[in-house]
Amino acid sequence: MSTRLSLSVALLLLFVASSAVLACDESSTWEGLELKPTQGLDLVYVRPEATLKGYTQVALDERIEVAFDKNWDPNADVRGTSGRPSADDIQQIKNEMASEFRKVFAEELTKGGYAVVGKLGEHTLRVSAGLAEVHINAPDRMQAGRSTTYTMESGRMTLAMELRDDPTGQLLARIVDEKTGSNTGQLQVTNSVTNSADFRRAVRSWAQRLVKALDQVNRKA
């Protein structure tokens, strides 16, 4: 099961590269799913006549894929930067993002009344997610004497997520959505704290959208 889900996430991440083209074609379909314009989300593909009704618990894939933007240069000069992230630093960022994504997503689902489980179940919705085109402005290094860094925003990333009926494995929906960090229009301090806050805010908004969708069909809203 985990191998199949990991492959599915890989396909989602690959799809992000062509999402801008598909977004322009409202008649586009994707493996039996139909594009459904949804306010607040860039791309939502759903299976015709599929519904989230009856799902009372969610199985969130243990593995959250993280892929940086191919044009992202973590060593690019940024005003006030001292020290450049190593390969180990970058891998640590990926690991922390994946862990925090799962933590925040699970918190919001639980808060909404949906149990997060790790086993197959008749009323279980399986969620497989990945983060693509990740671009972090001024990634932090944990070292003494680091100078203050200023940027306009903390960065951006794109969610690639699919929803499946857990018992049968039937694909119900795929979502692709980009989020950008807070932008005040002026230079502001950027570090691991502000980056993390923006990251959690984005993940929380995605999780809350899923909770709301479940609530609407299960008459909780």
C-alpha atoms as a PDB file:
ATOM      1  CA  MET A   1       0.000   0.000   0.000  1.00  0.00           C
ATOM      2  CA  SER A   2       2.718   2.503   0.982  1.00  0.00           C
ATOM      3  CA  THR A   3       4.676   1.831  -2.230  1.00  0.00           C
ATOM      4  CA  ARG A   4       1.631   2.500  -4.400  1.00  0.00           C
ATOM      5  CA  LEU A   5       0.880   5.701  -2.500  1.00  0.00           C
ATOM      6  CA  SER A   6       4.451   6.925  -2.813  1.00  0.00           C
ATOM      7  CA  LEU A   7       4.298   6.375  -6.566  1.00  0.00           C
ATOM      8  CA  SER A   8       1.034   8.293  -6.673  1.00  0.00           C
ATOM      9  CA  VAL A   9       2.616  11.243  -4.902  1.00  0.00           C
ATOM     10  CA  ALA A  10       5.507  11.155  -7.365  1.00  0.00           C
ATOM     11  CA  LEU A  11       3.014  11.408 -10.213  1.00  0.00           C
ATOM     12  CA  LEU A  12       1.364  14.342  -8.496  1.00  0.00           C
ATOM     13  CA  LEU A  13       4.643  16.154  -8.160  1.00  0.00           C
ATOM     14  CA  LEU A  14       5.386  15.516 -11.820  1.00  0.00           C
ATOM     15  CA  PHE A  15       1.965  16.886 -12.726  1.00  0.00           C
ATOM     16  CA  VAL A  16       2.634  20.198 -11.006  1.00  0.00           C
ATOM     17  CA  ALA A  17       5.091  21.073 -13.764  1.00  0.00           C
ATOM     18  CA  SER A  18       2.283  21.141 -16.315  1.00  0.00           C
ATOM     19  CA  SER A  19      -0.461  22.479 -14.054  1.00  0.00           C
ATOM     20  CA  ALA A  20      -0.368  25.960 -15.548  1.00  0.00           C
ATOM     21  CA  VAL A  21      -1.187  24.529 -18.976  1.00  0.00           C
ATOM     22  CA  LEU A  22      -3.989  22.318 -17.712  1.00  0.00           C
ATOM     23  CA  ALA A  23      -5.479  25.152 -15.691  1.00  0.00           C
ATOM     24  CA  CYS A  24      -6.206  26.965 -18.929  1.00  0.00           C
ATOM     25  CA  ASP A  25      -8.267  24.084 -20.275  1.00  0.00           C
ATOM     26  CA  GLU A  26     -11.515  23.802 -18.349  1.00  0.00           C
ATOM     27  CA  SER A  27     -12.470  20.623 -20.222  1.00  0.00           C
ATOM     28  CA  SER A  28      -9.340  18.820 -19.024  1.00  0.00           C
ATOM     29  CA  THR A  29      -9.638  15.436 -17.382  1.00  0.00           C
ATOM     30  CA  TRP A  30      -7.031  13.457 -15.510  1.00  0.00           C
ATOM     31  CA  GLU A  31      -7.253   9.674 -15.158  1.00  0.00           C
ATOM     32  CA  GLY A  32     -11.036   9.732 -15.020  1.00  0.00           C
ATOM     33  CA  LEU A  33     -11.193  12.864 -12.869  1.00  0.00           C
ATOM     34  CA  GLU A  34     -12.793  16.069 -14.090  1.00  0.00           C
ATOM     35  CA  LEU A  35     -11.543  19.584 -13.427  1.00  0.00           C
ATOM     36  CA  LYS A  36     -13.857  21.330 -10.965  1.00  0.00           C
ATOM     37  CA  PRO A  37     -13.290  25.088 -10.508  1.00  0.00           C
ATOM     38  CA  THR A  38     -13.061  25.657  -6.758  1.00  0.00           C
ATOM     39  CA  GLN A  39     -12.713  29.043  -5.110  1.00  0.00           C
ATOM     40  CA  GLY A  40      -9.545  29.318  -3.071  1.00  0.00           C
ATOM     41  CA  LEU A  41      -7.771  26.369  -4.697  1.00  0.00           C
ATOM     42  CA  ASP A  42      -5.794  26.416  -7.945  1.00  0.00           C
ATOM     43  CA  LEU A  43      -6.765  22.997  -9.364  1.00  0.00           C
ATOM     44  CA  VAL A  44      -9.265  20.450  -8.104  1.00  0.00           C
ATOM     45  CA  TYR A  45      -9.997  17.263 -10.042  1.00  0.00           C
ATOM     46  CA  VAL A  46     -12.830  15.018  -8.846  1.00  0.00           C
ATOM     47  CA  ARG A  47     -14.304  11.703  -9.927  1.00  0.00           C
ATOM     48  CA  PRO A  48     -17.797  12.203 -11.397  1.00  0.00           C
ATOM     49  CA  GLU A  49     -20.478  11.429  -8.805  1.00  0.00           C
ATOM     50  CA  ALA A  50     -17.839  10.754  -6.137  1.00  0.00           C
ATOM     51  CA  THR A  51     -18.607  12.004  -2.639  1.00  0.00           C
ATOM     52  CA  LEU A  52     -16.817  12.338   0.689  1.00  0.00           C
ATOM     53  CA  LYS A  53     -19.985  11.404   2.534  1.00  0.00           C
ATOM     54  CA  GLY A  54     -19.630   8.695   5.144  1.00  0.00           C
ATOM     55  CA  TYR A  55     -15.940   9.149   5.849  1.00  0.00           C
ATOM     56  CA  THR A  56     -15.446   9.511   9.583  1.00  0.00           C
ATOM     57  CA  GLN A  57     -11.712   8.906   9.784  1.00  0.00           C
ATOM     58  CA  VAL A  58      -8.624   9.704   7.742  1.00  0.00           C
ATOM     59  CA  ALA A  59      -5.491   7.688   7.022  1.00  0.00           C
ATOM     60  CA  LEU A  60      -2.722  10.202   6.336  1.00  0.00           C
ATOM     61  CA  ASP A  61       0.177   8.714   4.394  1.00  0.00           C
ATOM     62  CA  GLU A  62       3.263   8.467   6.590  1.00  0.00           C
ATOM     63  CA  ARG A  63       5.545   9.668   3.796  1.00  0.00           C
ATOM     64  CA  ILE A  64       5.183  13.302   2.763  1.00  0.00           C
ATOM     65  CA  GLU A  65       7.264  14.011  -0.331  1.00  0.00           C
ATOM     66  CA  VAL A  66       9.096  17.357  -0.463  1.00  0.00           C
ATOM     67  CA  ALA A  67      10.677  18.690  -3.682  1.00  0.00           C
ATOM     68  CA  PHE A  68      12.356  22.084  -4.010  1.00  0.00           C
ATOM     69  CA  ASP A  69      11.804  24.376  -6.982  1.00  0.00           C
ATOM     70  CA  LYS A  70      14.332  23.463  -9.683  1.00  0.00           C
ATOM     71  CA  ASN A  71      15.328  27.133  -9.909  1.00  0.00           C
ATOM     72  CA  TRP A  72      15.693  27.603  -6.144  1.00  0.00           C
ATOM     73  CA  ASP A  73      19.196  28.615  -5.116  1.00  0.00           C
ATOM     74  CA  PRO A  74      19.595  28.346  -1.341  1.00  0.00           C
ATOM     75  CA  ASN A  75      22.995  29.979  -1.635  1.00  0.00           C
ATOM     76  CA  ALA A  76      21.785  33.067  -3.499  1.00  0.00           C
ATOM     77  CA  ASP A  77      22.849  36.324  -1.912  1.00  0.00           C
ATOM     78  CA  VAL A  78      20.152  37.801   0.316  1.00  0.00           C
ATOM     79  CA  ARG A  79      20.499  41.071   2.188  1.00  0.00           C
ATOM     80  CA  GLY A  80      22.036  40.360   5.569  1.00  0.00           C
ATOM     81  CA  THR A  81      22.739  36.665   4.953  1.00  0.00           C
ATOM     82  CA  SER A  82      25.669  35.038   6.686  1.00  0.00           C
ATOM     83  CA  GLY A  83      26.393  31.352   6.206  1.00  0.00           C
ATOM     84  CA  ARG A  84      25.011  29.125   3.491  1.00  0.00           C
ATOM     85  CA  PRO A  85      22.991  25.923   3.983  1.00  0.00           C
ATOM     86  CA  SER A  86      24.799  22.677   3.307  1.00  0.00           C
ATOM     87  CA  ALA A  87      23.317  19.541   1.731  1.00  0.00           C
ATOM     88  CA  ASP A  88      22.645  18.274   5.256  1.00  0.00           C
ATOM     89  CA  ASP A  89      20.875  21.537   6.118  1.00  0.00           C
ATOM     90  CA  ILE A  90      18.647  21.180   3.058  1.00  0.00           C
ATOM     91  CA  GLN A  91      17.798  17.566   3.854  1.00  0.00           C
ATOM     92  CA  GLN A  92      16.969  18.583   7.397  1.00  0.00           C
ATOM     93  CA  ILE A  93      14.627  21.249   6.063  1.00  0.00           C
ATOM     94  CA  LYS A  94      12.853  18.605   3.968  1.00  0.00           C
ATOM     95  CA  ASN A  95      12.538  16.255   6.933  1.00  0.00           C
ATOM     96  CA  GLU A  96      11.219  18.984   9.207  1.00  0.00           C
ATOM     97  CA  MET A  97       8.713  20.180   6.608  1.00  0.00           C
ATOM     98  CA  ALA A  98       7.385  16.654   6.104  1.00  0.00           C
ATOM     99  CA  SER A  99       7.110  16.035   9.833  1.00  0.00           C
ATOM    100  CA  GLU A 100       5.449  19.387  10.542  1.00  0.00           C
ATOM    101  CA  PHE A 101       3.041  18.948   7.628  1.00  0.00           C
ATOM    102  CA  ARG A 102       1.806  15.653   9.008  1.00  0.00           C
ATOM    103  CA  LYS A 103       1.594  17.024  12.552  1.00  0.00           C
ATOM    104  CA  VAL A 104      -0.410  20.158  11.652  1.00  0.00           C
ATOM    105  CA  PHE A 105      -2.657  18.292   9.197  1.00  0.00           C
ATOM    106  CA  ALA A 106      -3.447  15.638  11.798  1.00  0.00           C
ATOM    107  CA  GLU A 107      -4.138  18.284  14.445  1.00  0.00           C
ATOM    108  CA  GLU A 108      -6.714  20.044  12.265  1.00  0.00           C
ATOM    109  CA  LEU A 109      -8.440  16.796  11.278  1.00  0.00           C
ATOM    110  CA  THR A 110      -8.645  15.705  14.915  1.00  0.00           C
ATOM    111  CA  LYS A 111      -9.903  19.125  15.952  1.00  0.00           C
ATOM    112  CA  GLY A 112     -12.602  18.802  13.306  1.00  0.00           C
ATOM    113  CA  GLY A 113     -13.775  15.480  14.745  1.00  0.00           C
ATOM    114  CA  TYR A 114     -12.093  13.135  12.247  1.00  0.00           C
ATOM    115  CA  ALA A 115      -9.876  10.441  13.723  1.00  0.00           C
ATOM    116  CA  VAL A 116      -6.466  10.020  12.104  1.00  0.00           C
ATOM    117  CA  VAL A 117      -5.799   6.294  11.811  1.00  0.00           C
ATOM    118  CA  GLY A 118      -3.150   3.998  10.390  1.00  0.00           C
ATOM    119  CA  LYS A 119      -5.285   1.007   9.467  1.00  0.00           C
ATOM    120  CA  LEU A 120      -7.713   0.196   6.671  1.00  0.00           C
ATOM    121  CA  GLY A 121     -11.305   0.914   7.515  1.00  0.00           C
ATOM    122  CA  GLU A 122     -14.717   0.935   5.869  1.00  0.00           C
ATOM    123  CA  HIS A 123     -15.237   4.636   6.549  1.00  0.00           C
ATOM    124  CA  THR A 124     -11.645   5.733   6.021  1.00  0.00           C
ATOM    125  CA  LEU A 125     -10.432   8.364   3.561  1.00  0.00           C
ATOM    126  CA  ARG A 126      -6.770   7.946   2.574  1.00  0.00           C
ATOM    127  CA  VAL A 127      -4.829  11.150   2.016  1.00  0.00           C
ATOM    128  CA  SER A 128      -1.518  11.086   0.140  1.00  0.00           C
ATOM    129  CA  ALA A 129       0.309  14.417  -0.091  1.00  0.00           C
ATOM    130  CA  GLY A 130       3.471  16.026  -1.378  1.00  0.00           C
ATOM    131  CA  LEU A 131       4.986  19.495  -1.495  1.00  0.00           C
ATOM    132  CA  ALA A 132       6.478  20.612  -4.812  1.00  0.00           C
ATOM    133  CA  GLU A 133       8.185  23.737  -6.146  1.00  0.00           C
ATOM    134  CA  VAL A 134       9.243  24.632  -2.612  1.00  0.00           C
ATOM    135  CA  HIS A 135      11.131  27.936  -2.504  1.00  0.00           C
ATOM    136  CA  ILE A 136      12.336  29.225   0.863  1.00  0.00           C
ATOM    137  CA  ASN A 137      13.709  32.752   1.086  1.00  0.00           C
ATOM    138  CA  ALA A 138      16.643  33.032   3.493  1.00  0.00           C
ATOM    139  CA  PRO A 139      16.713  29.456   4.835  1.00  0.00           C
ATOM    140  CA  ASP A 140      18.108  29.502   8.362  1.00  0.00           C
ATOM    141  CA  ARG A 141      21.274  27.852   9.598  1.00  0.00           C
ATOM    142  CA  MET A 142      21.556  27.049  13.282  1.00  0.00           C
ATOM    143  CA  GLN A 143      24.903  28.725  13.964  1.00  0.00           C
ATOM    144  CA  ALA A 144      26.224  31.339  16.330  1.00  0.00           C
ATOM    145  CA  GLY A 145      26.779  34.870  15.100  1.00  0.00           C
ATOM    146  CA  ARG A 146      24.229  34.696  12.279  1.00  0.00           C
ATOM    147  CA  SER A 147      23.287  38.176  11.065  1.00  0.00           C
ATOM    148  CA  THR A 148      19.723  39.336  10.503  1.00  0.00           C
ATOM    149  CA  THR A 149      18.172  38.548   7.097  1.00  0.00           C
ATOM    150  CA  TYR A 150      15.534  40.709   5.396  1.00  0.00           C
ATOM    151  CA  THR A 151      13.195  39.601   2.601  1.00  0.00           C
ATOM    152  CA  MET A 152       9.770  40.563   1.224  1.00  0.00           C
ATOM    153  CA  GLU A 153       8.226  37.161   2.044  1.00  0.00           C
ATOM    154  CA  SER A 154       9.233  33.798   3.477  1.00  0.00           C
ATOM    155  CA  GLY A 155       8.719  31.776   0.288  1.00  0.00           C
ATOM    156  CA  ARG A 156       6.229  29.602  -1.549  1.00  0.00           C
ATOM    157  CA  MET A 157       5.266  25.963  -2.154  1.00  0.00           C
ATOM    158  CA  THR A 158       2.697  23.908  -4.021  1.00  0.00           C
ATOM    159  CA  LEU A 159       0.549  21.204  -2.480  1.00  0.00           C
ATOM    160  CA  ALA A 160      -0.086  18.063  -4.535  1.00  0.00           C
ATOM    161  CA  MET A 161      -2.618  15.835  -2.814  1.00  0.00           C
ATOM    162  CA  GLU A 162      -4.866  12.933  -3.690  1.00  0.00           C
ATOM    163  CA  LEU A 163      -7.838  11.454  -1.869  1.00  0.00           C
ATOM    164  CA  ARG A 164      -8.745   7.765  -2.120  1.00  0.00           C
ATOM    165  CA  ASP A 165     -11.315   5.432  -0.676  1.00  0.00           C
ATOM    166  CA  ASP A 166      -9.124   3.410   1.680  1.00  0.00           C
ATOM    167  CA  PRO A 167     -10.767  -0.036   1.434  1.00  0.00           C
ATOM    168  CA  THR A 168     -10.984  -0.099  -2.387  1.00  0.00           C
ATOM    169  CA  GLY A 169      -8.156   2.283  -3.303  1.00  0.00           C
ATOM    170  CA  GLN A 170     -10.446   4.147  -5.713  1.00  0.00           C
ATOM    171  CA  LEU A 171      -9.131   7.581  -6.594  1.00  0.00           C
ATOM    172  CA  LEU A 172     -11.670  10.261  -5.621  1.00  0.00           C
ATOM    173  CA  ALA A 173      -9.889  13.578  -6.092  1.00  0.00           C
ATOM    174  CA  ARG A 174      -6.607  15.355  -6.726  1.00  0.00           C
ATOM    175  CA  ILE A 175      -5.746  18.852  -5.563  1.00  0.00           C
ATOM    176  CA  VAL A 176      -2.923  21.171  -6.645  1.00  0.00           C
ATOM    177  CA  ASP A 177      -2.602  24.515  -4.864  1.00  0.00           C
ATOM    178  CA  GLU A 178       0.188  27.048  -4.427  1.00  0.00           C
ATOM    179  CA  LYS A 179       0.651  29.072  -1.266  1.00  0.00           C
ATOM    180  CA  THR A 180       2.951  32.075  -0.830  1.00  0.00           C
ATOM    181  CA  GLY A 181       4.317  33.374   2.463  1.00  0.00           C
ATOM    182  CA  SER A 182       3.142  36.619   4.003  1.00  0.00           C
ATOM    183  CA  ASN A 183       4.128  39.715   2.042  1.00  0.00           C
ATOM    184  CA  THR A 184       3.816  43.120   3.709  1.00  0.00           C
ATOM    185  CA  GLY A 185       5.222  44.946   0.703  1.00  0.00           C
ATOM    186  CA  GLN A 186       8.339  45.934   2.605  1.00  0.00           C
ATOM    187  CA  LEU A 187      11.489  44.283   3.891  1.00  0.00           C
ATOM    188  CA  GLN A 188      10.960  42.212   7.020  1.00  0.00           C
ATOM    189  CA  VAL A 189      13.049  39.914   9.176  1.00  0.00           C
ATOM    190  CA  THR A 190      13.026  36.366   7.820  1.00  0.00           C
ATOM    191  CA  ASN A 191      14.311  33.398   9.794  1.00  0.00           C
ATOM    192  CA  SER A 192      13.365  29.865  10.819  1.00  0.00           C
ATOM    193  CA  VAL A 193      10.642  31.180  13.143  1.00  0.00           C
ATOM    194  CA  THR A 194       8.844  33.294  10.534  1.00  0.00           C
ATOM    195  CA  ASN A 195       9.355  30.643   7.838  1.00  0.00           C
ATOM    196  CA  SER A 196       7.843  27.988  10.111  1.00  0.00           C
ATOM    197  CA  ALA A 197       4.890  30.202  11.023  1.00  0.00           C
ATOM    198  CA  ASP A 198       4.025  30.790   7.360  1.00  0.00           C
ATOM    199  CA  PHE A 199       4.469  27.089   6.612  1.00  0.00           C
ATOM    200  CA  ARG A 200       2.132  25.983   9.396  1.00  0.00           C
ATOM    201  CA  ARG A 201      -0.411  28.604   8.364  1.00  0.00           C
ATOM    202  CA  ALA A 202      -0.479  27.238   4.807  1.00  0.00           C
ATOM    203  CA  VAL A 203      -0.745  23.596   5.890  1.00  0.00           C
ATOM    204  CA  ARG A 204      -3.472  24.470   8.377  1.00  0.00           C
ATOM    205  CA  SER A 205      -5.507  26.191   5.668  1.00  0.00           C
ATOM    206  CA  TRP A 206      -5.304  23.092   3.425  1.00  0.00           C
ATOM    207  CA  ALA A 207      -6.326  20.799   6.272  1.00  0.00           C
ATOM    208  CA  GLN A 208      -9.214  23.079   7.204  1.00  0.00           C
ATOM    209  CA  ARG A 209     -10.454  22.990   3.600  1.00  0.00           C
ATOM    210  CA  LEU A 210     -10.583  19.200   3.766  1.00  0.00           C
ATOM    211  CA  VAL A 211     -12.385  19.287   7.117  1.00  0.00           C
ATOM    212  CA  LYS A 212     -14.910  21.744   5.700  1.00  0.00           C
ATOM    213  CA  ALA A 213     -15.505  19.534   2.643  1.00  0.00           C
ATOM    214  CA  LEU A 214     -16.097  16.524   4.895  1.00  0.00           C
ATOM    215  CA  ASP A 215     -18.379  18.544   7.170  1.00  0.00           C
ATOM    216  CA  GLN A 216     -20.530  19.771   4.286  1.00  0.00           C
ATOM    217  CA  VAL A 217     -21.449  16.270   3.093  1.00  0.00           C
ATOM    218  CA  ASN A 218     -21.699  14.824   6.578  1.00  0.00           C
ATOM    219  CA  ARG A 219     -24.045  17.609   7.709  1.00  0.00           C
ATOM    220  CA  LYS A 220     -21.672  19.029  10.319  1.00  0.00           C
ATOM    221  CA  ALA A 221     -21.611  22.503   8.787  1.00  0.00           C
END
